Amino acid sequence: HVHTEYSLLDGSAKIKELVQRVKELGMDSIAITDHG
């Protein structure tokens, strides 16, 4: 359950930075679930 900068007024995570952070944390997968 993840909102990015494409969830207007709700998310602020930039996609490239989000993916990089996932990599740094040792996770191997992630979903994006932007609003509508």
All heavy atoms as atom14 arrays in JSON, in Angstrom:
{
  "sequence": "HVHTEYSLLDGSAKIKELVQRVKELGMDSIAITDHG",
  "atom14_mask": [
    [1, 1, 1, 1, 1, 1, 1, 1, 1, 1, 0, 0, 0, 0],
    [1, 1, 1, 1, 1, 1, 1, 0, 0, 0, 0, 0, 0, 0],
    [1, 1, 1, 1, 1, 1, 1, 1, 1, 1, 0, 0, 0, 0],
    [1, 1, 1, 1, 1, 1, 1, 0, 0, 0, 0, 0, 0, 0],
    [1, 1, 1, 1, 1, 1, 1, 1, 1, 0, 0, 0, 0, 0],
    [1, 1, 1, 1, 1, 1, 1, 1, 1, 1, 1, 1, 0, 0],
    [1, 1, 1, 1, 1, 1, 0, 0, 0, 0, 0, 0, 0, 0],
    [1, 1, 1, 1, 1, 1, 1, 1, 0, 0, 0, 0, 0, 0],
    [1, 1, 1, 1, 1, 1, 1, 1, 0, 0, 0, 0, 0, 0],
    [1, 1, 1, 1, 1, 1, 1, 1, 0, 0, 0, 0, 0, 0],
    [1, 1, 1, 1, 0, 0, 0, 0, 0, 0, 0, 0, 0, 0],
    [1, 1, 1, 1, 1, 1, 0, 0, 0, 0, 0, 0, 0, 0],
    [1, 1, 1, 1, 1, 0, 0, 0, 0, 0, 0, 0, 0, 0],
    [1, 1, 1, 1, 1, 1, 1, 1, 1, 0, 0, 0, 0, 0],
    [1, 1, 1, 1, 1, 1, 1, 1, 0, 0, 0, 0, 0, 0],
    [1, 1, 1, 1, 1, 1, 1, 1, 1, 0, 0, 0, 0, 0],
    [1, 1, 1, 1, 1, 1, 1, 1, 1, 0, 0, 0, 0, 0],
    [1, 1, 1, 1, 1, 1, 1, 1, 0, 0, 0, 0, 0, 0],
    [1, 1, 1, 1, 1, 1, 1, 0, 0, 0, 0, 0, 0, 0],
    [1, 1, 1, 1, 1, 1, 1, 1, 1, 0, 0, 0, 0, 0],
    [1, 1, 1, 1, 1, 1, 1, 1, 1, 1, 1, 0, 0, 0],
    [1, 1, 1, 1, 1, 1, 1, 0, 0, 0, 0, 0, 0, 0],
    [1, 1, 1, 1, 1, 1, 1, 1, 1, 0, 0, 0, 0, 0],
    [1, 1, 1, 1, 1, 1, 1, 1, 1, 0, 0, 0, 0, 0],
    [1, 1, 1, 1, 1, 1, 1, 1, 0, 0, 0, 0, 0, 0],
    [1, 1, 1, 1, 0, 0, 0, 0, 0, 0, 0, 0, 0, 0],
    [1, 1, 1, 1, 1, 1, 1, 1, 0, 0, 0, 0, 0, 0],
    [1, 1, 1, 1, 1, 1, 1, 1, 0, 0, 0, 0, 0, 0],
    [1, 1, 1, 1, 1, 1, 0, 0, 0, 0, 0, 0, 0, 0],
    [1, 1, 1, 1, 1, 1, 1, 1, 0, 0, 0, 0, 0, 0],
    [1, 1, 1, 1, 1, 0, 0, 0, 0, 0, 0, 0, 0, 0],
    [1, 1, 1, 1, 1, 1, 1, 1, 0, 0, 0, 0, 0, 0],
    [1, 1, 1, 1, 1, 1, 1, 0, 0, 0, 0, 0, 0, 0],
    [1, 1, 1, 1, 1, 1, 1, 1, 0, 0, 0, 0, 0, 0],
    [1, 1, 1, 1, 1, 1, 1, 1, 1, 1, 0, 0, 0, 0],
    [1, 1, 1, 1, 0, 0, 0, 0, 0, 0, 0, 0, 0, 0]
  ],
  "atom14_positions": [
    [[0.87, -1.17, 0.0], [0.0, 0.0, 0.0], [0.91, 1.22, 0.0], [1.34, 1.7, 1.05], [-0.89, -0.04, 1.24], [-1.99, 0.98, 1.24], [-3.28, 0.69, 1.65], [-2.01, 2.29, 0.88], [-4.03, 1.76, 1.54], [-3.28, 2.76, 1.08], [0.0, 0.0, 0.0], [0.0, 0.0, 0.0], [0.0, 0.0, 0.0], [0.0, 0.0, 0.0]],
    [[1.22, 1.72, -1.19], [2.22, 2.78, -1.34], [1.72, 3.86, -2.3], [1.28, 3.56, -3.4], [3.56, 2.21, -1.88], [4.6, 3.32, -2.01], [4.07, 1.08, -1.01], [0.0, 0.0, 0.0], [0.0, 0.0, 0.0], [0.0, 0.0, 0.0], [0.0, 0.0, 0.0], [0.0, 0.0, 0.0], [0.0, 0.0, 0.0], [0.0, 0.0, 0.0]],
    [[1.81, 5.11, -1.85], [1.42, 6.24, -2.7], [2.67, 7.02, -3.11], [3.52, 7.33, -2.27], [0.46, 7.16, -1.95], [-0.8, 6.47, -1.53], [-1.62, 5.86, -2.43], [-1.36, 6.28, -0.31], [-2.65, 5.33, -1.79], [-2.5, 5.56, -0.49], [0.0, 0.0, 0.0], [0.0, 0.0, 0.0], [0.0, 0.0, 0.0], [0.0, 0.0, 0.0]],
    [[2.75, 7.34, -4.37], [3.89, 8.1, -4.89], [3.46, 9.54, -5.18], [2.36, 9.97, -4.83], [4.44, 7.47, -6.18], [3.55, 7.77, -7.28], [4.59, 5.98, -6.03], [0.0, 0.0, 0.0], [0.0, 0.0, 0.0], [0.0, 0.0, 0.0], [0.0, 0.0, 0.0], [0.0, 0.0, 0.0], [0.0, 0.0, 0.0], [0.0, 0.0, 0.0]],
    [[4.34, 10.26, -5.84], [4.05, 11.65, -6.22], [2.84, 11.74, -7.16], [2.3, 12.83, -7.37], [5.27, 12.25, -6.91], [5.7, 11.47, -8.15], [7.06, 11.9, -8.67], [7.26, 13.13, -8.83], [7.91, 11.03, -8.92], [0.0, 0.0, 0.0], [0.0, 0.0, 0.0], [0.0, 0.0, 0.0], [0.0, 0.0, 0.0], [0.0, 0.0, 0.0]],
    [[2.39, 10.59, -7.69], [1.23, 10.6, -8.58], [-0.08, 10.47, -7.82], [-1.15, 10.44, -8.44], [1.36, 9.48, -9.61], [2.48, 9.72, -10.6], [3.69, 9.03, -10.49], [2.34, 10.64, -11.62], [4.73, 9.27, -11.37], [3.37, 10.87, -12.52], [4.57, 10.19, -12.39], [5.59, 10.41, -13.28], [0.0, 0.0, 0.0], [0.0, 0.0, 0.0]],
    [[-0.02, 10.39, -6.5], [-1.23, 10.45, -5.67], [-1.38, 11.9, -5.21], [-0.82, 12.3, -4.19], [-1.14, 9.52, -4.46], [-1.31, 8.18, -4.84], [0.0, 0.0, 0.0], [0.0, 0.0, 0.0], [0.0, 0.0, 0.0], [0.0, 0.0, 0.0], [0.0, 0.0, 0.0], [0.0, 0.0, 0.0], [0.0, 0.0, 0.0], [0.0, 0.0, 0.0]],
    [[-2.13, 12.66, -5.96], [-2.23, 14.1, -5.75], [-2.67, 14.42, -4.31], [-3.67, 13.89, -3.82], [-3.23, 14.7, -6.74], [-3.05, 16.17, -7.11], [-1.66, 16.42, -7.66], [-4.1, 16.59, -8.1], [0.0, 0.0, 0.0], [0.0, 0.0, 0.0], [0.0, 0.0, 0.0], [0.0, 0.0, 0.0], [0.0, 0.0, 0.0], [0.0, 0.0, 0.0]],
    [[-1.91, 15.26, -3.64], [-2.18, 15.74, -2.29], [-2.11, 14.64, -1.23], [-2.49, 14.85, -0.08], [-3.55, 16.44, -2.21], [-3.75, 17.63, -3.14], [-5.16, 18.19, -2.96], [-2.73, 18.72, -2.86], [0.0, 0.0, 0.0], [0.0, 0.0, 0.0], [0.0, 0.0, 0.0], [0.0, 0.0, 0.0], [0.0, 0.0, 0.0], [0.0, 0.0, 0.0]],
    [[-1.62, 13.46, -1.6], [-1.55, 12.37, -0.62], [-0.17, 11.73, -0.55], [0.24, 11.3, 0.51], [-2.59, 11.3, -0.97], [-2.76, 10.29, 0.16], [-3.42, 10.64, 1.16], [-2.23, 9.18, 0.05], [0.0, 0.0, 0.0], [0.0, 0.0, 0.0], [0.0, 0.0, 0.0], [0.0, 0.0, 0.0], [0.0, 0.0, 0.0], [0.0, 0.0, 0.0]],
    [[0.54, 11.65, -1.66], [1.86, 11.03, -1.67], [2.91, 11.99, -2.17], [2.62, 12.92, -2.92], [0.0, 0.0, 0.0], [0.0, 0.0, 0.0], [0.0, 0.0, 0.0], [0.0, 0.0, 0.0], [0.0, 0.0, 0.0], [0.0, 0.0, 0.0], [0.0, 0.0, 0.0], [0.0, 0.0, 0.0], [0.0, 0.0, 0.0], [0.0, 0.0, 0.0]],
    [[4.16, 11.77, -1.76], [5.24, 12.64, -2.21], [6.48, 11.86, -2.65], [7.46, 12.46, -3.09], [5.63, 13.63, -1.11], [6.09, 12.93, 0.03], [0.0, 0.0, 0.0], [0.0, 0.0, 0.0], [0.0, 0.0, 0.0], [0.0, 0.0, 0.0], [0.0, 0.0, 0.0], [0.0, 0.0, 0.0], [0.0, 0.0, 0.0], [0.0, 0.0, 0.0]],
    [[6.44, 10.53, -2.53], [7.61, 9.72, -2.85], [7.88, 9.72, -4.35], [7.0, 9.41, -5.15], [7.4, 8.28, -2.37], [0.0, 0.0, 0.0], [0.0, 0.0, 0.0], [0.0, 0.0, 0.0], [0.0, 0.0, 0.0], [0.0, 0.0, 0.0], [0.0, 0.0, 0.0], [0.0, 0.0, 0.0], [0.0, 0.0, 0.0], [0.0, 0.0, 0.0]],
    [[9.09, 10.1, -4.73], [9.48, 10.04, -6.14], [9.87, 8.6, -6.46], [10.54, 7.94, -5.68], [10.63, 11.0, -6.4], [10.23, 12.47, -6.27], [11.42, 13.38, -6.51], [10.98, 14.83, -6.57], [10.28, 15.28, -5.35], [0.0, 0.0, 0.0], [0.0, 0.0, 0.0], [0.0, 0.0, 0.0], [0.0, 0.0, 0.0], [0.0, 0.0, 0.0]],
    [[9.45, 8.13, -7.61], [9.57, 6.71, -7.92], [11.0, 6.2, -7.89], [11.29, 5.17, -7.28], [8.89, 6.41, -9.27], [7.38, 6.45, -9.08], [9.33, 5.06, -9.83], [6.57, 6.25, -10.33], [0.0, 0.0, 0.0], [0.0, 0.0, 0.0], [0.0, 0.0, 0.0], [0.0, 0.0, 0.0], [0.0, 0.0, 0.0], [0.0, 0.0, 0.0]],
    [[11.92, 6.88, -8.52], [13.31, 6.42, -8.55], [13.9, 6.37, -7.14], [14.63, 5.44, -6.79], [14.15, 7.29, -9.47], [13.83, 7.09, -10.95], [14.77, 7.89, -11.84], [14.46, 7.63, -13.31], [15.34, 8.4, -14.22], [0.0, 0.0, 0.0], [0.0, 0.0, 0.0], [0.0, 0.0, 0.0], [0.0, 0.0, 0.0], [0.0, 0.0, 0.0]],
    [[13.59, 7.38, -6.33], [14.09, 7.4, -4.96], [13.44, 6.31, -4.11], [14.09, 5.7, -3.26], [13.83, 8.78, -4.34], [14.63, 9.89, -5.01], [14.29, 11.26, -4.44], [13.49, 11.33, -3.48], [14.81, 12.25, -4.98], [0.0, 0.0, 0.0], [0.0, 0.0, 0.0], [0.0, 0.0, 0.0], [0.0, 0.0, 0.0], [0.0, 0.0, 0.0]],
    [[12.16, 6.05, -4.36], [11.45, 4.99, -3.66], [12.08, 3.63, -3.94], [12.37, 2.85, -3.03], [9.98, 4.99, -4.09], [9.11, 3.84, -3.56], [8.92, 3.96, -2.05], [7.76, 3.84, -4.27], [0.0, 0.0, 0.0], [0.0, 0.0, 0.0], [0.0, 0.0, 0.0], [0.0, 0.0, 0.0], [0.0, 0.0, 0.0], [0.0, 0.0, 0.0]],
    [[12.32, 3.36, -5.22], [12.91, 2.08, -5.61], [14.31, 1.92, -5.03], [14.68, 0.85, -4.55], [12.94, 1.96, -7.15], [13.78, 0.76, -7.59], [11.52, 1.84, -7.7], [0.0, 0.0, 0.0], [0.0, 0.0, 0.0], [0.0, 0.0, 0.0], [0.0, 0.0, 0.0], [0.0, 0.0, 0.0], [0.0, 0.0, 0.0], [0.0, 0.0, 0.0]],
    [[15.07, 3.01, -5.04], [16.43, 2.96, -4.49], [16.41, 2.67, -3.0], [17.22, 1.9, -2.49], [17.15, 4.29, -4.75], [18.61, 4.31, -4.3], [19.44, 3.21, -4.95], [19.3, 2.94, -6.14], [20.3, 2.57, -4.17], [0.0, 0.0, 0.0], [0.0, 0.0, 0.0], [0.0, 0.0, 0.0], [0.0, 0.0, 0.0], [0.0, 0.0, 0.0]],
    [[15.44, 3.26, -2.29], [15.33, 3.02, -0.85], [14.95, 1.58, -0.56], [15.46, 0.96, 0.4], [14.3, 3.98, -0.25], [14.15, 3.86, 1.26], [15.47, 4.12, 1.96], [15.31, 4.1, 3.41], [16.3, 3.89, 4.26], [17.54, 3.69, 3.82], [16.08, 3.89, 5.56], [0.0, 0.0, 0.0], [0.0, 0.0, 0.0], [0.0, 0.0, 0.0]],
    [[14.05, 1.03, -1.37], [13.67, -0.38, -1.25], [14.9, -1.27, -1.39], [15.1, -2.22, -0.63], [12.6, -0.75, -2.3], [12.39, -2.25, -2.37], [11.29, -0.05, -1.99], [0.0, 0.0, 0.0], [0.0, 0.0, 0.0], [0.0, 0.0, 0.0], [0.0, 0.0, 0.0], [0.0, 0.0, 0.0], [0.0, 0.0, 0.0], [0.0, 0.0, 0.0]],
    [[15.74, -0.93, -2.37], [16.97, -1.68, -2.61], [17.91, -1.59, -1.4], [18.47, -2.59, -0.96], [17.67, -1.12, -3.86], [18.88, -1.89, -4.32], [18.49, -3.13, -5.07], [19.72, -3.77, -5.71], [19.36, -5.03, -6.42], [0.0, 0.0, 0.0], [0.0, 0.0, 0.0], [0.0, 0.0, 0.0], [0.0, 0.0, 0.0], [0.0, 0.0, 0.0]],
    [[18.05, -0.38, -0.85], [18.93, -0.17, 0.29], [18.47, -0.97, 1.51], [19.29, -1.44, 2.3], [18.96, 1.32, 0.65], [19.69, 2.18, -0.37], [19.51, 3.66, -0.09], [18.79, 4.01, 0.89], [20.06, 4.48, -0.84], [0.0, 0.0, 0.0], [0.0, 0.0, 0.0], [0.0, 0.0, 0.0], [0.0, 0.0, 0.0], [0.0, 0.0, 0.0]],
    [[17.17, -1.14, 1.65], [16.61, -1.85, 2.8], [16.62, -3.36, 2.62], [16.19, -4.11, 3.51], [15.18, -1.37, 3.07], [15.05, 0.08, 3.57], [13.59, 0.5, 3.61], [15.69, 0.23, 4.95], [0.0, 0.0, 0.0], [0.0, 0.0, 0.0], [0.0, 0.0, 0.0], [0.0, 0.0, 0.0], [0.0, 0.0, 0.0], [0.0, 0.0, 0.0]],
    [[17.1, -3.82, 1.47], [17.21, -5.25, 1.24], [15.9, -5.92, 0.84], [15.8, -7.15, 0.89], [0.0, 0.0, 0.0], [0.0, 0.0, 0.0], [0.0, 0.0, 0.0], [0.0, 0.0, 0.0], [0.0, 0.0, 0.0], [0.0, 0.0, 0.0], [0.0, 0.0, 0.0], [0.0, 0.0, 0.0], [0.0, 0.0, 0.0], [0.0, 0.0, 0.0]],
    [[14.92, -5.14, 0.46], [13.65, -5.71, 0.0], [13.78, -6.08, -1.48], [14.53, -5.44, -2.22], [12.51, -4.71, 0.2], [12.29, -4.32, 1.65], [10.96, -3.1, 1.81], [11.0, -2.8, 3.58], [0.0, 0.0, 0.0], [0.0, 0.0, 0.0], [0.0, 0.0, 0.0], [0.0, 0.0, 0.0], [0.0, 0.0, 0.0], [0.0, 0.0, 0.0]],
    [[13.03, -7.1, -1.9], [13.16, -7.52, -3.29], [11.93, -7.23, -4.13], [11.88, -7.56, -5.3], [13.5, -9.02, -3.37], [12.42, -9.89, -2.73], [11.36, -9.37, -2.34], [12.66, -11.11, -2.6], [0.0, 0.0, 0.0], [0.0, 0.0, 0.0], [0.0, 0.0, 0.0], [0.0, 0.0, 0.0], [0.0, 0.0, 0.0], [0.0, 0.0, 0.0]],
    [[10.91, -6.57, -3.53], [9.7, -6.25, -4.28], [8.95, -5.13, -3.58], [9.12, -4.9, -2.38], [8.8, -7.48, -4.43], [8.46, -7.99, -3.15], [0.0, 0.0, 0.0], [0.0, 0.0, 0.0], [0.0, 0.0, 0.0], [0.0, 0.0, 0.0], [0.0, 0.0, 0.0], [0.0, 0.0, 0.0], [0.0, 0.0, 0.0], [0.0, 0.0, 0.0]],
    [[8.1, -4.43, -4.34], [7.26, -3.38, -3.78], [6.12, -3.1, -4.75], [6.26, -3.29, -5.97], [8.07, -2.09, -3.51], [7.21, -1.09, -2.7], [8.57, -1.46, -4.8], [7.97, 0.12, -2.19], [0.0, 0.0, 0.0], [0.0, 0.0, 0.0], [0.0, 0.0, 0.0], [0.0, 0.0, 0.0], [0.0, 0.0, 0.0], [0.0, 0.0, 0.0]],
    [[4.99, -2.67, -4.19], [3.86, -2.28, -5.01], [3.71, -0.76, -4.97], [4.17, -0.1, -4.03], [2.57, -2.91, -4.48], [0.0, 0.0, 0.0], [0.0, 0.0, 0.0], [0.0, 0.0, 0.0], [0.0, 0.0, 0.0], [0.0, 0.0, 0.0], [0.0, 0.0, 0.0], [0.0, 0.0, 0.0], [0.0, 0.0, 0.0], [0.0, 0.0, 0.0]],
    [[3.09, -0.2, -6.0], [2.59, 1.18, -5.9], [1.09, 1.13, -6.11], [0.59, 0.41, -6.99], [3.27, 2.17, -6.86], [3.07, 1.8, -8.33], [4.73, 2.33, -6.53], [3.46, 2.93, -9.27], [0.0, 0.0, 0.0], [0.0, 0.0, 0.0], [0.0, 0.0, 0.0], [0.0, 0.0, 0.0], [0.0, 0.0, 0.0], [0.0, 0.0, 0.0]],
    [[0.38, 1.89, -5.28], [-1.09, 1.88, -5.32], [-1.59, 3.32, -5.25], [-2.21, 3.72, -4.25], [-1.65, 1.05, -4.15], [-1.14, 1.57, -2.91], [-1.28, -0.41, -4.27], [0.0, 0.0, 0.0], [0.0, 0.0, 0.0], [0.0, 0.0, 0.0], [0.0, 0.0, 0.0], [0.0, 0.0, 0.0], [0.0, 0.0, 0.0], [0.0, 0.0, 0.0]],
    [[-1.3, 4.07, -6.28], [-1.7, 5.47, -6.28], [-3.22, 5.61, -6.32], [-3.93, 4.74, -6.82], [-1.05, 6.22, -7.44], [0.42, 6.5, -7.18], [0.73, 6.96, -6.08], [1.25, 6.25, -8.07], [0.0, 0.0, 0.0], [0.0, 0.0, 0.0], [0.0, 0.0, 0.0], [0.0, 0.0, 0.0], [0.0, 0.0, 0.0], [0.0, 0.0, 0.0]],
    [[-3.7, 6.72, -5.83], [-5.14, 6.96, -5.71], [-5.81, 7.15, -7.07], [-5.56, 8.14, -7.77], [-5.4, 8.2, -4.85], [-5.38, 7.92, -3.39], [-6.28, 7.08, -2.77], [-4.58, 8.39, -2.4], [-6.04, 7.03, -1.48], [-5.01, 7.81, -1.22], [0.0, 0.0, 0.0], [0.0, 0.0, 0.0], [0.0, 0.0, 0.0], [0.0, 0.0, 0.0]],
    [[-6.64, 6.19, -7.45], [-7.51, 6.35, -8.61], [-6.82, 6.41, -9.95], [-7.48, 6.59, -10.99], [0.0, 0.0, 0.0], [0.0, 0.0, 0.0], [0.0, 0.0, 0.0], [0.0, 0.0, 0.0], [0.0, 0.0, 0.0], [0.0, 0.0, 0.0], [0.0, 0.0, 0.0], [0.0, 0.0, 0.0], [0.0, 0.0, 0.0], [0.0, 0.0, 0.0]]
  ]
}
